[in-house]
Protein backbone atom coordinates (compact mmCIF):
# COMPACT_ATOMS: atom_id res chain seq x y z
CA MET A 1 194.28 113.86 164.04
CA ILE A 2 197.48 114.00 166.06
CA PHE A 3 200.67 115.56 164.71
CA VAL A 4 203.64 113.99 166.52
CA TYR A 5 206.27 116.69 166.26
CA SER A 6 209.55 117.84 167.68
CA GLY A 7 211.47 120.20 165.47
CA LYS A 8 214.64 118.32 166.42
CA GLY A 9 215.80 115.13 164.73
CA GLY A 10 217.07 112.16 166.70
CA VAL A 11 214.84 112.56 169.75
CA GLY A 12 212.79 109.42 169.11
CA LYS A 13 209.75 111.16 167.64
CA SER A 14 209.08 108.42 165.06
CA THR A 15 209.46 105.78 167.76
CA ILE A 16 206.86 107.56 169.90
CA CYS A 17 204.50 107.96 166.94
CA VAL A 18 204.72 104.33 165.84
CA ASN A 19 204.24 102.99 169.34
CA LEU A 20 201.35 105.36 169.98
CA ALA A 21 199.68 103.89 166.89
CA TYR A 22 200.14 100.29 168.05
CA SER A 23 199.14 101.07 171.60
CA LEU A 24 195.83 102.47 170.33
CA MET A 25 195.40 99.51 167.99
CA ARG A 26 195.90 97.08 170.88
CA GLN A 27 193.06 98.85 172.66
CA GLY A 28 190.60 98.30 169.82
CA ILE A 29 190.98 101.62 167.99
CA LYS A 30 191.29 101.77 164.20
CA VAL A 31 194.47 103.72 163.42
CA GLY A 32 196.01 105.32 160.34
CA LEU A 33 199.69 106.29 160.39
CA PHE A 34 201.34 108.64 157.90
CA ASP A 35 205.11 109.04 157.67
CA GLY A 36 205.55 112.74 156.99
CA ASP A 37 209.33 112.56 156.66
CA LEU A 38 209.64 112.38 152.88
CA SER A 39 213.41 112.81 152.80
CA GLY A 40 214.35 110.42 155.60
CA PRO A 41 211.45 108.03 156.30
CA SER A 42 212.07 105.64 159.17
CA ILE A 43 208.66 104.08 159.78
CA PRO A 44 209.12 101.30 157.16
CA THR A 45 212.08 99.99 159.16
CA MET A 46 210.12 100.08 162.40
CA VAL A 47 207.13 98.06 161.13
CA ARG A 48 208.68 95.74 158.55
CA GLN A 49 208.05 92.57 160.57
CA LEU A 50 204.33 93.34 160.80
CA GLU A 51 203.38 93.45 157.12
CA VAL A 52 199.99 91.94 156.32
CA ARG A 53 199.49 93.78 153.04
CA PRO A 54 201.86 96.35 151.56
CA MET A 55 200.92 99.76 150.17
CA HIS A 56 199.20 99.20 146.85
CA PHE A 57 197.61 100.95 143.89
CA GLU A 58 193.87 100.61 143.40
CA ASN A 59 191.35 102.69 141.42
CA PHE A 60 194.05 105.26 140.61
CA LYS A 61 194.93 105.72 144.28
CA ILE A 62 197.81 104.64 146.48
CA LEU A 63 196.27 102.88 149.45
CA PRO A 64 197.91 102.36 152.86
CA GLY A 65 199.47 99.06 153.74
CA ASN A 66 198.23 96.97 156.64
CA TYR A 67 201.02 96.48 159.15
CA GLY A 68 199.86 94.47 162.12
CA GLY A 69 196.42 96.10 162.08
CA VAL A 70 197.60 99.69 161.56
CA TYR A 71 197.18 101.37 158.16
CA VAL A 72 200.50 102.89 157.14
CA ASN A 73 201.64 105.11 154.25
CA SER A 74 205.26 106.11 153.77
CA ILE A 75 207.33 107.23 150.81
CA GLY A 76 209.90 104.78 152.18
CA PHE A 77 207.83 101.83 150.97
CA ILE A 78 208.08 102.91 147.34
CA CYS A 79 211.31 104.89 147.13
CA ASP A 80 214.80 103.58 147.87
CA PRO A 81 216.44 105.67 150.64
CA ILE A 82 219.33 106.48 148.30
CA GLU A 83 216.86 107.96 145.83
CA GLY A 84 215.11 110.10 148.46
CA GLY A 85 215.20 113.81 147.71
CA TYR A 86 214.21 117.15 149.10
CA TRP A 87 210.66 117.63 147.91
CA GLN A 88 209.60 121.14 147.00
CA GLY A 89 206.85 123.00 145.19
CA LYS A 90 204.60 120.94 142.92
CA TYR A 91 206.54 117.75 143.68
CA LEU A 92 205.85 118.16 147.39
CA GLU A 93 202.20 118.94 146.75
CA GLY A 94 201.86 115.90 144.50
CA VAL A 95 203.42 113.48 146.96
CA LEU A 96 201.29 114.72 149.86
CA GLN A 97 198.17 114.66 147.71
CA GLN A 98 198.68 111.01 146.76
CA LEU A 99 199.98 109.64 150.05
CA LEU A 100 198.06 111.73 152.58
CA PHE A 101 195.26 114.00 151.42
CA ALA A 102 193.66 111.78 148.74
CA THR A 103 194.25 108.51 150.57
CA SER A 104 191.45 106.30 151.80
CA TRP A 105 192.39 105.60 155.40
CA TYR A 106 189.81 102.82 155.75
CA ASP A 107 187.60 104.91 158.05
CA SER A 108 190.30 105.07 160.72
CA ASP A 109 189.16 106.39 164.09
CA ILE A 110 192.33 108.48 164.35
CA LEU A 111 195.15 109.47 162.03
CA LEU A 112 198.65 109.97 163.42
CA ILE A 113 201.16 111.97 161.41
CA ASP A 114 204.84 111.55 162.11
CA MET A 115 206.05 115.06 161.30
CA PRO A 116 209.60 115.53 159.98
CA PRO A 117 212.12 117.59 161.95
CA GLY A 118 212.53 121.25 161.17
CA VAL A 119 210.07 124.02 160.34
CA GLY A 120 209.79 123.97 156.55
CA ALA A 121 207.41 123.88 153.61
CA ILE A 122 206.15 120.38 154.33
CA HIS A 123 205.03 121.36 157.82
CA LYS A 124 203.09 124.32 156.52
CA ALA A 125 201.57 122.22 153.73
CA ILE A 126 200.27 119.63 156.19
CA LEU A 127 199.24 121.90 159.04
CA SER A 128 197.43 124.38 156.80
CA ARG A 129 195.21 121.68 155.26
CA LEU A 130 194.49 119.36 158.17
CA GLN A 131 192.80 120.03 161.50
CA GLY A 132 194.42 118.36 164.48
CA LYS A 133 196.43 118.77 167.65
CA ALA A 134 200.14 118.39 168.24
CA LEU A 135 201.99 116.07 170.60
CA ILE A 136 205.49 117.37 171.26
CA VAL A 137 208.47 115.03 171.74
CA THR A 138 211.77 116.18 173.21
CA THR A 139 214.82 114.93 175.03
CA PRO A 140 215.96 116.74 178.21
CA GLN A 141 218.81 118.75 176.72
CA ASP A 142 219.30 122.30 175.45
CA LEU A 143 220.09 121.14 171.90
CA SER A 144 216.61 119.64 171.70
CA TYR A 145 214.84 122.54 173.41
CA THR A 146 216.16 125.10 170.93
CA ASP A 147 214.63 123.36 167.91
CA THR A 148 211.51 122.31 169.80
CA ILE A 149 210.83 125.92 170.79
CA ARG A 150 210.99 126.88 167.10
CA ALA A 151 208.46 124.13 166.36
CA ILE A 152 206.13 125.30 169.14
CA GLU A 153 206.33 128.88 167.90
CA MET A 154 205.40 127.72 164.40
CA LEU A 155 202.44 125.74 165.77
CA ASN A 156 201.37 128.88 167.59
CA ARG A 157 201.52 130.95 164.39
CA MET A 158 199.48 128.31 162.57
CA LYS A 159 196.96 128.11 165.43
CA VAL A 160 197.56 124.42 166.17
CA ASP A 161 196.80 123.38 169.74
CA ILE A 162 199.26 121.29 171.76
CA VAL A 163 198.03 118.49 174.00
CA GLY A 164 201.35 118.17 175.83
CA VAL A 165 204.95 117.03 175.85
CA ILE A 166 206.51 113.57 176.02
CA GLU A 167 210.06 113.63 177.34
CA ASN A 168 212.00 110.80 175.72
CA MET A 169 215.31 109.42 177.03
CA ALA A 170 214.47 111.04 180.36
CA TYR A 171 216.77 108.59 182.15
CA PHE A 172 218.82 105.49 181.37
CA MET A 173 217.38 102.15 182.45
CA CYS A 174 220.09 99.55 183.01
CA GLU A 175 219.35 95.87 182.43
CA CYS A 176 220.19 95.42 186.12
CA GLY A 177 217.19 97.60 187.03
CA ARG A 178 219.08 100.73 188.10
CA THR A 179 218.31 104.09 186.54
CA SER A 180 220.43 107.19 186.03
CA ALA A 181 220.09 110.53 184.25
CA ILE A 182 222.07 110.93 181.03
CA PHE A 183 220.93 114.40 180.04
CA ARG A 184 220.64 117.26 182.52
CA GLY A 185 217.97 119.45 180.96
CA ASP A 186 214.83 120.62 182.74
CA THR A 187 211.91 120.05 180.37
CA ARG A 188 209.33 121.32 182.83
CA LYS A 189 211.08 124.67 183.16
CA GLN A 190 212.38 125.10 179.60
CA LEU A 191 209.24 124.01 177.74
CA CYS A 192 206.25 123.20 179.91
CA GLU A 193 206.27 126.21 182.23
CA ARG A 194 207.41 128.58 179.52
CA PHE A 195 204.58 127.64 177.16
CA ASN A 196 202.05 126.41 179.71
CA VAL A 197 201.83 122.89 178.29
CA PRO A 198 201.68 119.72 180.41
CA LEU A 199 204.45 117.15 180.67
CA LEU A 200 202.49 113.99 179.88
CA LEU A 201 205.09 111.24 180.20
CA GLN A 202 208.79 110.61 180.75
CA LEU A 203 210.17 107.63 178.86
CA PRO A 204 213.53 106.01 179.61
CA LEU A 205 216.48 105.22 177.42
CA ASP A 206 215.98 101.46 177.56
CA VAL A 207 217.97 99.03 175.42
CA GLU A 208 214.75 97.23 174.47
CA ILE A 209 213.29 100.28 172.70
CA PRO A 210 215.95 100.74 169.94
CA ALA A 211 216.40 96.97 169.69
CA THR A 212 212.73 96.37 168.90
CA SER A 213 212.57 99.38 166.55
CA ASN A 214 215.57 98.13 164.57
CA ALA A 215 213.99 94.67 164.41
CA GLY A 216 210.81 96.11 162.87
CA ASP A 217 208.58 95.30 165.83
CA PRO A 218 207.46 98.26 168.02
CA PHE A 219 208.39 98.10 171.71
CA ILE A 220 204.76 98.43 172.77
CA LEU A 221 204.20 95.00 171.21
CA ALA A 222 207.56 93.34 171.73
CA ALA A 223 209.16 94.82 174.84
CA ASN A 224 208.91 93.34 178.31
CA GLN A 225 205.31 94.17 179.20
CA LYS A 226 206.22 94.34 182.88
CA ARG A 227 208.12 97.56 182.31
CA ASP A 228 206.32 100.36 184.14
CA TYR A 229 206.62 102.73 181.21
CA VAL A 230 204.79 100.30 178.88
CA GLU A 231 201.68 100.41 181.07
CA ALA A 232 202.00 104.20 181.41
CA PHE A 233 202.31 104.57 177.63
CA HIS A 234 199.13 102.53 177.07
CA ALA A 235 197.27 104.65 179.61
CA LEU A 236 198.42 107.90 178.01
CA SER A 237 197.55 106.83 174.47
CA LEU A 238 194.01 105.88 175.53
CA ARG A 239 193.63 109.12 177.45
CA ILE A 240 194.64 111.20 174.43
CA TYR A 241 192.15 109.33 172.26
CA LEU A 242 189.20 109.36 174.67
CA GLU A 243 189.69 112.95 175.78
CA TYR A 244 190.75 114.37 172.41
CA ASP A 245 187.96 116.94 172.19
CA SER A 246 188.02 117.89 175.86
CA PHE A 247 191.75 117.42 176.45
CA LYS A 248 193.23 120.54 178.05
CA SER A 249 194.82 121.71 174.86
CA ILE A 250 197.00 124.81 174.84
CA ARG A 251 197.86 127.30 172.14
CA PRO A 252 201.06 128.71 173.65
CA THR A 253 201.34 132.41 174.17
CA GLY A 254 204.72 132.60 175.90
């Protein structure tokens, strides 16, 4: 179980989670993917072109849909975005019970959970009932670090290990091939050194990534496969899966 988490919205956490799922699937691994953002689900948009079978009701259970070989559950498949609310108390427990805890994930080898931003009741509900490790996503800017530090501190309190950090939008990749830094933050110093967690990968701000996400086809499947970061992303996803138990996982103390 991998919790893909940031604490900050808008850093590309859902994009990382979805593409991690499809990278693992491409490498022969059976993957379940749960959209933990009940108030603002984005995964349905990102996978809509891949539908093989939608979420469905069977034997008094809501079962995940098959989207291009990945089993996906999201409140966004059954609830119009305009109707989305802020789930609390028994309503929150009921939704998580039906969509996550009581779901048959078709014997998936790994379950990825796209955690919502923030540090609220839903995070505690999920992390207190499921055993897994967290993958942190951030952008290299102070606005992101502030919320991400809160998330790391919550993971520490709940005794959830962290496998490392992915820095998204680390640099801008022009269609001409040139690269340049957009943000000026130092993720190694602000997060990795402070909490003794490894920086696993730096991903660019590439026009192909949001374009493929908006089109409902993850970049790991649709983007130019000659991009260096695509190969690096595949390598990292397989490493996380194969070395899950022995991965140098840190419970931050700083």
